[in-house]
PDB file of N, CA and C in Angstrom:
ATOM      1  N   UNK A   1       2.247   0.273  30.573  1.00  0.00           N
ATOM      2  CA  UNK A   1       1.617   1.583  30.640  1.00  0.00           C
ATOM      3  C   UNK A   1       1.627   2.208  29.240  1.00  0.00           C
ATOM      4  N   UNK A   2       0.495   2.654  28.757  1.00  0.00           N
ATOM      5  CA  UNK A   2       0.424   3.231  27.412  1.00  0.00           C
ATOM      6  C   UNK A   2       1.253   4.504  27.288  1.00  0.00           C
ATOM      7  N   UNK A   3       1.815   4.668  26.114  1.00  0.00           N
ATOM      8  CA  UNK A   3       2.603   5.853  25.821  1.00  0.00           C
ATOM      9  C   UNK A   3       1.661   6.939  25.309  1.00  0.00           C
ATOM     10  N   UNK A   4       1.586   8.099  25.970  1.00  0.00           N
ATOM     11  CA  UNK A   4       0.652   9.137  25.538  1.00  0.00           C
ATOM     12  C   UNK A   4       1.005   9.743  24.177  1.00  0.00           C
ATOM     13  N   UNK A   5       2.227   9.499  23.705  1.00  0.00           N
ATOM     14  CA  UNK A   5       2.626  10.044  22.412  1.00  0.00           C
ATOM     15  C   UNK A   5       2.232   9.132  21.249  1.00  0.00           C
ATOM     16  N   UNK A   6       1.744   7.935  21.531  1.00  0.00           N
ATOM     17  CA  UNK A   6       1.308   6.992  20.504  1.00  0.00           C
ATOM     18  C   UNK A   6      -0.213   7.064  20.405  1.00  0.00           C
ATOM     19  N   UNK A   7      -0.726   7.425  19.222  1.00  0.00           N
ATOM     20  CA  UNK A   7      -2.170   7.585  19.047  1.00  0.00           C
ATOM     21  C   UNK A   7      -2.889   6.249  18.926  1.00  0.00           C
ATOM     22  N   UNK A   8      -2.270   5.289  18.234  1.00  0.00           N
ATOM     23  CA  UNK A   8      -2.909   3.994  18.027  1.00  0.00           C
ATOM     24  C   UNK A   8      -1.983   2.923  18.605  1.00  0.00           C
ATOM     25  N   UNK A   9      -2.113   2.718  19.898  1.00  0.00           N
ATOM     26  CA  UNK A   9      -1.227   1.807  20.637  1.00  0.00           C
ATOM     27  C   UNK A   9      -1.296   0.370  20.106  1.00  0.00           C
ATOM     28  N   UNK A  10      -2.500  -0.081  19.759  1.00  0.00           N
ATOM     29  CA  UNK A  10      -2.684  -1.448  19.250  1.00  0.00           C
ATOM     30  C   UNK A  10      -1.916  -1.652  17.937  1.00  0.00           C
ATOM     31  N   UNK A  11      -2.024  -0.693  17.037  1.00  0.00           N
ATOM     32  CA  UNK A  11      -1.305  -0.795  15.770  1.00  0.00           C
ATOM     33  C   UNK A  11       0.203  -0.720  15.999  1.00  0.00           C
ATOM     34  N   UNK A  12       0.627   0.155  16.897  1.00  0.00           N
ATOM     35  CA  UNK A  12       2.039   0.289  17.228  1.00  0.00           C
ATOM     36  C   UNK A  12       2.621  -1.044  17.694  1.00  0.00           C
ATOM     37  N   UNK A  13       1.939  -1.689  18.632  1.00  0.00           N
ATOM     38  CA  UNK A  13       2.415  -2.973  19.160  1.00  0.00           C
ATOM     39  C   UNK A  13       2.462  -4.042  18.063  1.00  0.00           C
ATOM     40  N   UNK A  14       1.461  -4.065  17.199  1.00  0.00           N
ATOM     41  CA  UNK A  14       1.438  -5.047  16.111  1.00  0.00           C
ATOM     42  C   UNK A  14       2.611  -4.834  15.150  1.00  0.00           C
ATOM     43  N   UNK A  15       2.926  -3.584  14.863  1.00  0.00           N
ATOM     44  CA  UNK A  15       4.036  -3.290  13.957  1.00  0.00           C
ATOM     45  C   UNK A  15       5.380  -3.672  14.571  1.00  0.00           C
ATOM     46  N   UNK A  16       5.543  -3.413  15.848  1.00  0.00           N
ATOM     47  CA  UNK A  16       6.789  -3.793  16.537  1.00  0.00           C
ATOM     48  C   UNK A  16       6.946  -5.311  16.520  1.00  0.00           C
ATOM     49  N   UNK A  17       5.851  -6.038  16.762  1.00  0.00           N
ATOM     50  CA  UNK A  17       5.903  -7.505  16.738  1.00  0.00           C
ATOM     51  C   UNK A  17       6.240  -8.026  15.344  1.00  0.00           C
ATOM     52  N   UNK A  18       5.816  -7.293  14.304  1.00  0.00           N
ATOM     53  CA  UNK A  18       6.121  -7.680  12.929  1.00  0.00           C
ATOM     54  C   UNK A  18       7.588  -7.460  12.574  1.00  0.00           C
ATOM     55  N   UNK A  19       8.287  -6.667  13.403  1.00  0.00           N
ATOM     56  CA  UNK A  19       9.703  -6.440  13.151  1.00  0.00           C
ATOM     57  C   UNK A  19      10.061  -5.020  12.759  1.00  0.00           C
ATOM     58  N   UNK A  20       9.079  -4.133  12.709  1.00  0.00           N
ATOM     59  CA  UNK A  20       9.363  -2.730  12.410  1.00  0.00           C
ATOM     60  C   UNK A  20      10.103  -2.108  13.593  1.00  0.00           C
ATOM     61  N   UNK A  21      10.905  -1.090  13.312  1.00  0.00           N
ATOM     62  CA  UNK A  21      11.575  -0.388  14.404  1.00  0.00           C
ATOM     63  C   UNK A  21      10.537   0.379  15.221  1.00  0.00           C
ATOM     64  N   UNK A  22      10.902   0.726  16.449  1.00  0.00           N
ATOM     65  CA  UNK A  22       9.977   1.472  17.299  1.00  0.00           C
ATOM     66  C   UNK A  22       9.663   2.840  16.693  1.00  0.00           C
ATOM     67  N   UNK A  23      10.673   3.458  16.085  1.00  0.00           N
ATOM     68  CA  UNK A  23      10.468   4.774  15.485  1.00  0.00           C
ATOM     69  C   UNK A  23       9.490   4.705  14.309  1.00  0.00           C
ATOM     70  N   UNK A  24       9.705   3.721  13.428  1.00  0.00           N
ATOM     71  CA  UNK A  24       8.828   3.591  12.265  1.00  0.00           C
ATOM     72  C   UNK A  24       7.419   3.194  12.707  1.00  0.00           C
ATOM     73  N   UNK A  25       7.312   2.320  13.673  1.00  0.00           N
ATOM     74  CA  UNK A  25       6.008   1.907  14.183  1.00  0.00           C
ATOM     75  C   UNK A  25       5.254   3.099  14.761  1.00  0.00           C
ATOM     76  N   UNK A  26       5.958   3.942  15.509  1.00  0.00           N
ATOM     77  CA  UNK A  26       5.320   5.122  16.096  1.00  0.00           C
ATOM     78  C   UNK A  26       4.876   6.091  15.007  1.00  0.00           C
ATOM     79  N   UNK A  27       5.708   6.271  13.999  1.00  0.00           N
ATOM     80  CA  UNK A  27       5.367   7.184  12.908  1.00  0.00           C
ATOM     81  C   UNK A  27       4.103   6.715  12.176  1.00  0.00           C
ATOM     82  N   UNK A  28       4.017   5.411  11.909  1.00  0.00           N
ATOM     83  CA  UNK A  28       2.842   4.864  11.229  1.00  0.00           C
ATOM     84  C   UNK A  28       1.610   4.960  12.124  1.00  0.00           C
ATOM     85  N   UNK A  29       1.761   4.586  13.391  1.00  0.00           N
ATOM     86  CA  UNK A  29       0.628   4.576  14.321  1.00  0.00           C
ATOM     87  C   UNK A  29       0.119   5.982  14.632  1.00  0.00           C
ATOM     88  N   UNK A  30       0.932   6.991  14.397  1.00  0.00           N
ATOM     89  CA  UNK A  30       0.523   8.364  14.684  1.00  0.00           C
ATOM     90  C   UNK A  30      -0.019   9.117  13.474  1.00  0.00           C
ATOM     91  N   UNK A  31      -0.136   8.463  12.334  1.00  0.00           N
ATOM     92  CA  UNK A  31      -0.734   9.130  11.182  1.00  0.00           C
ATOM     93  C   UNK A  31      -2.221   9.335  11.452  1.00  0.00           C
ATOM     94  N   UNK A  32      -2.806  10.392  10.885  1.00  0.00           N
ATOM     95  CA  UNK A  32      -4.224  10.666  11.159  1.00  0.00           C
ATOM     96  C   UNK A  32      -5.163   9.514  10.801  1.00  0.00           C
ATOM     97  N   UNK A  33      -4.854   8.758   9.764  1.00  0.00           N
ATOM     98  CA  UNK A  33      -5.712   7.661   9.331  1.00  0.00           C
ATOM     99  C   UNK A  33      -5.205   6.305   9.801  1.00  0.00           C
ATOM    100  N   UNK A  34      -4.426   6.273  10.859  1.00  0.00           N
ATOM    101  CA  UNK A  34      -3.817   5.038  11.332  1.00  0.00           C
ATOM    102  C   UNK A  34      -4.862   3.958  11.576  1.00  0.00           C
ATOM    103  N   UNK A  35      -4.653   2.810  10.944  1.00  0.00           N
ATOM    104  CA  UNK A  35      -5.520   1.671  11.167  1.00  0.00           C
ATOM    105  C   UNK A  35      -6.782   1.647  10.326  1.00  0.00           C
ATOM    106  N   UNK A  36      -6.983   2.635   9.485  1.00  0.00           N
ATOM    107  CA  UNK A  36      -8.188   2.665   8.656  1.00  0.00           C
ATOM    108  C   UNK A  36      -7.885   2.090   7.286  1.00  0.00           C
ATOM    109  N   UNK A  37      -8.885   1.472   6.694  1.00  0.00           N
ATOM    110  CA  UNK A  37      -8.743   0.921   5.348  1.00  0.00           C
ATOM    111  C   UNK A  37      -8.528   2.053   4.368  1.00  0.00           C
ATOM    112  N   UNK A  38      -7.846   1.708   3.284  1.00  0.00           N
ATOM    113  CA  UNK A  38      -7.409   2.699   2.321  1.00  0.00           C
ATOM    114  C   UNK A  38      -8.434   3.174   1.322  1.00  0.00           C
ATOM    115  N   UNK A  39      -7.926   3.412   0.125  1.00  0.00           N
ATOM    116  CA  UNK A  39      -8.539   4.192  -0.915  1.00  0.00           C
ATOM    117  C   UNK A  39      -9.899   3.768  -1.432  1.00  0.00           C
ATOM    118  N   UNK A  40     -10.383   4.627  -2.253  1.00  0.00           N
ATOM    119  CA  UNK A  40     -11.678   4.436  -2.882  1.00  0.00           C
ATOM    120  C   UNK A  40     -11.522   4.138  -4.372  1.00  0.00           C
ATOM    121  N   UNK A  41     -10.347   3.717  -4.767  1.00  0.00           N
ATOM    122  CA  UNK A  41     -10.089   3.452  -6.184  1.00  0.00           C
ATOM    123  C   UNK A  41     -10.900   2.242  -6.648  1.00  0.00           C
ATOM    124  N   UNK A  42     -11.304   2.306  -7.907  1.00  0.00           N
ATOM    125  CA  UNK A  42     -12.036   1.175  -8.473  1.00  0.00           C
ATOM    126  C   UNK A  42     -11.075   0.015  -8.710  1.00  0.00           C
ATOM    127  N   UNK A  43     -11.568  -1.214  -8.761  1.00  0.00           N
ATOM    128  CA  UNK A  43     -10.696  -2.377  -8.972  1.00  0.00           C
ATOM    129  C   UNK A  43     -10.011  -2.309 -10.338  1.00  0.00           C
ATOM    130  N   UNK A  44      -8.829  -2.902 -10.418  1.00  0.00           N
ATOM    131  CA  UNK A  44      -8.058  -2.873 -11.673  1.00  0.00           C
ATOM    132  C   UNK A  44      -8.865  -3.402 -12.860  1.00  0.00           C
ATOM    133  N   UNK A  45      -9.758  -4.339 -12.616  1.00  0.00           N
ATOM    134  CA  UNK A  45     -10.548  -4.899 -13.710  1.00  0.00           C
ATOM    135  C   UNK A  45     -11.406  -3.836 -14.409  1.00  0.00           C
ATOM    136  N   UNK A  46     -11.709  -2.762 -13.711  1.00  0.00           N
ATOM    137  CA  UNK A  46     -12.515  -1.686 -14.287  1.00  0.00           C
ATOM    138  C   UNK A  46     -11.671  -0.595 -14.954  1.00  0.00           C
ATOM    139  N   UNK A  47     -10.352  -0.685 -14.835  1.00  0.00           N
ATOM    140  CA  UNK A  47      -9.459   0.288 -15.455  1.00  0.00           C
ATOM    141  C   UNK A  47      -9.303  -0.045 -16.939  1.00  0.00           C
ATOM    142  N   UNK A  48      -8.996   0.972 -17.740  1.00  0.00           N
ATOM    143  CA  UNK A  48      -8.672   0.724 -19.143  1.00  0.00           C
ATOM    144  C   UNK A  48      -7.239   0.218 -19.228  1.00  0.00           C
ATOM    145  N   UNK A  49      -6.894  -0.381 -20.354  1.00  0.00           N
ATOM    146  CA  UNK A  49      -5.532  -0.865 -20.541  1.00  0.00           C
ATOM    147  C   UNK A  49      -4.541   0.300 -20.458  1.00  0.00           C
ATOM    148  N   UNK A  50      -4.931   1.450 -20.994  1.00  0.00           N
ATOM    149  CA  UNK A  50      -4.065   2.624 -20.958  1.00  0.00           C
ATOM    150  C   UNK A  50      -3.815   3.104 -19.521  1.00  0.00           C
ATOM    151  N   UNK A  51      -4.867   3.077 -18.700  1.00  0.00           N
ATOM    152  CA  UNK A  51      -4.712   3.456 -17.294  1.00  0.00           C
ATOM    153  C   UNK A  51      -3.778   2.487 -16.569  1.00  0.00           C
ATOM    154  N   UNK A  52      -3.933   1.211 -16.870  1.00  0.00           N
ATOM    155  CA  UNK A  52      -3.073   0.195 -16.254  1.00  0.00           C
ATOM    156  C   UNK A  52      -1.619   0.383 -16.676  1.00  0.00           C
ATOM    157  N   UNK A  53      -1.390   0.684 -17.952  1.00  0.00           N
ATOM    158  CA  UNK A  53      -0.030   0.897 -18.432  1.00  0.00           C
ATOM    159  C   UNK A  53       0.598   2.125 -17.766  1.00  0.00           C
ATOM    160  N   UNK A  54      -0.191   3.164 -17.586  1.00  0.00           N
ATOM    161  CA  UNK A  54       0.314   4.374 -16.926  1.00  0.00           C
ATOM    162  C   UNK A  54       0.699   4.074 -15.481  1.00  0.00           C
ATOM    163  N   UNK A  55      -0.144   3.304 -14.782  1.00  0.00           N
ATOM    164  CA  UNK A  55       0.154   2.926 -13.399  1.00  0.00           C
ATOM    165  C   UNK A  55       1.390   2.024 -13.349  1.00  0.00           C
ATOM    166  N   UNK A  56       1.491   1.093 -14.278  1.00  0.00           N
ATOM    167  CA  UNK A  56       2.660   0.206 -14.339  1.00  0.00           C
ATOM    168  C   UNK A  56       3.926   1.015 -14.579  1.00  0.00           C
ATOM    169  N   UNK A  57       3.823   2.052 -15.375  1.00  0.00           N
ATOM    170  CA  UNK A  57       4.966   2.929 -15.621  1.00  0.00           C
ATOM    171  C   UNK A  57       5.377   3.643 -14.337  1.00  0.00           C
ATOM    172  N   UNK A  58       4.396   4.125 -13.571  1.00  0.00           N
ATOM    173  CA  UNK A  58       4.674   4.830 -12.317  1.00  0.00           C
ATOM    174  C   UNK A  58       5.439   3.958 -11.330  1.00  0.00           C
ATOM    175  N   UNK A  59       5.085   2.672 -11.279  1.00  0.00           N
ATOM    176  CA  UNK A  59       5.727   1.787 -10.305  1.00  0.00           C
ATOM    177  C   UNK A  59       6.930   1.044 -10.879  1.00  0.00           C
ATOM    178  N   UNK A  60       7.230   1.290 -12.161  1.00  0.00           N
ATOM    179  CA  UNK A  60       8.458   0.757 -12.749  1.00  0.00           C
ATOM    180  C   UNK A  60       8.397  -0.679 -13.221  1.00  0.00           C
ATOM    181  N   UNK A  61       7.265  -1.131 -13.709  1.00  0.00           N
ATOM    182  CA  UNK A  61       7.145  -2.496 -14.214  1.00  0.00           C
ATOM    183  C   UNK A  61       7.726  -2.550 -15.623  1.00  0.00           C
ATOM    184  N   UNK A  62       8.674  -3.440 -15.818  1.00  0.00           N
ATOM    185  CA  UNK A  62       9.334  -3.601 -17.115  1.00  0.00           C
ATOM    186  C   UNK A  62       8.478  -4.469 -18.035  1.00  0.00           C
ATOM    187  N   UNK A  63       8.526  -4.199 -19.326  1.00  0.00           N
ATOM    188  CA  UNK A  63       7.812  -4.996 -20.309  1.00  0.00           C
ATOM    189  C   UNK A  63       6.329  -4.720 -20.388  1.00  0.00           C
ATOM    190  N   UNK A  64       5.893  -3.643 -19.762  1.00  0.00           N
ATOM    191  CA  UNK A  64       4.459  -3.344 -19.703  1.00  0.00           C
ATOM    192  C   UNK A  64       3.831  -3.102 -21.070  1.00  0.00           C
ATOM    193  N   UNK A  65       4.612  -2.582 -22.023  1.00  0.00           N
ATOM    194  CA  UNK A  65       4.045  -2.278 -23.343  1.00  0.00           C
ATOM    195  C   UNK A  65       3.687  -3.548 -24.117  1.00  0.00           C
ATOM    196  N   UNK A  66       4.257  -4.680 -23.699  1.00  0.00           N
ATOM    197  CA  UNK A  66       3.974  -5.957 -24.368  1.00  0.00           C
ATOM    198  C   UNK A  66       2.890  -6.764 -23.668  1.00  0.00           C
ATOM    199  N   UNK A  67       2.412  -6.269 -22.533  1.00  0.00           N
ATOM    200  CA  UNK A  67       1.451  -7.029 -21.730  1.00  0.00           C
ATOM    201  C   UNK A  67       0.014  -6.743 -22.150  1.00  0.00           C
ATOM    202  N   UNK A  68      -0.831  -7.770 -22.006  1.00  0.00           N
ATOM    203  CA  UNK A  68      -2.259  -7.550 -22.186  1.00  0.00           C
ATOM    204  C   UNK A  68      -2.832  -7.080 -20.849  1.00  0.00           C
ATOM    205  N   UNK A  69      -4.109  -6.778 -20.831  1.00  0.00           N
ATOM    206  CA  UNK A  69      -4.743  -6.224 -19.630  1.00  0.00           C
ATOM    207  C   UNK A  69      -4.610  -7.171 -18.440  1.00  0.00           C
ATOM    208  N   UNK A  70      -4.830  -8.453 -18.656  1.00  0.00           N
ATOM    209  CA  UNK A  70      -4.740  -9.448 -17.582  1.00  0.00           C
ATOM    210  C   UNK A  70      -3.330  -9.486 -16.990  1.00  0.00           C
ATOM    211  N   UNK A  71      -2.320  -9.459 -17.849  1.00  0.00           N
ATOM    212  CA  UNK A  71      -0.929  -9.487 -17.379  1.00  0.00           C
ATOM    213  C   UNK A  71      -0.568  -8.216 -16.612  1.00  0.00           C
ATOM    214  N   UNK A  72      -1.078  -7.070 -17.082  1.00  0.00           N
ATOM    215  CA  UNK A  72      -0.827  -5.806 -16.386  1.00  0.00           C
ATOM    216  C   UNK A  72      -1.410  -5.847 -14.976  1.00  0.00           C
ATOM    217  N   UNK A  73      -2.639  -6.341 -14.856  1.00  0.00           N
ATOM    218  CA  UNK A  73      -3.291  -6.430 -13.545  1.00  0.00           C
ATOM    219  C   UNK A  73      -2.483  -7.346 -12.626  1.00  0.00           C
ATOM    220  N   UNK A  74      -2.082  -8.478 -13.127  1.00  0.00           N
ATOM    221  CA  UNK A  74      -1.295  -9.438 -12.331  1.00  0.00           C
ATOM    222  C   UNK A  74       0.031  -8.808 -11.880  1.00  0.00           C
ATOM    223  N   UNK A  75       0.702  -8.120 -12.799  1.00  0.00           N
ATOM    224  CA  UNK A  75       1.980  -7.491 -12.474  1.00  0.00           C
ATOM    225  C   UNK A  75       1.811  -6.390 -11.436  1.00  0.00           C
ATOM    226  N   UNK A  76       0.762  -5.593 -11.557  1.00  0.00           N
ATOM    227  CA  UNK A  76       0.527  -4.527 -10.580  1.00  0.00           C
ATOM    228  C   UNK A  76       0.217  -5.096  -9.201  1.00  0.00           C
ATOM    229  N   UNK A  77      -0.532  -6.165  -9.142  1.00  0.00           N
ATOM    230  CA  UNK A  77      -0.875  -6.747  -7.846  1.00  0.00           C
ATOM    231  C   UNK A  77       0.308  -7.450  -7.190  1.00  0.00           C
ATOM    232  N   UNK A  78       1.216  -7.950  -7.984  1.00  0.00           N
ATOM    233  CA  UNK A  78       2.355  -8.699  -7.441  1.00  0.00           C
ATOM    234  C   UNK A  78       3.622  -7.874  -7.366  1.00  0.00           C
ATOM    235  N   UNK A  79       3.517  -6.599  -7.670  1.00  0.00           N
ATOM    236  CA  UNK A  79       4.699  -5.731  -7.657  1.00  0.00           C
ATOM    237  C   UNK A  79       5.130  -5.417  -6.250  1.00  0.00           C
TER     238      UNK A  79
END
């Protein structure tokens, strides 16, 4: 029987099967944009090296000042 407090029951069940706790699964499934694809950001390849370095700094990538654009993109995607 569906839980009336869960907005996106399908996503909730998938998250529980993945190993998330019931509480965390419910919190994610009840967000207004639950199950929708994300942002409208342009691909990293279109970013400047400076923009990539700033983003790498935000997420805490070490050695970013020595990286070229290709390495920055790879590090951001694999972070």
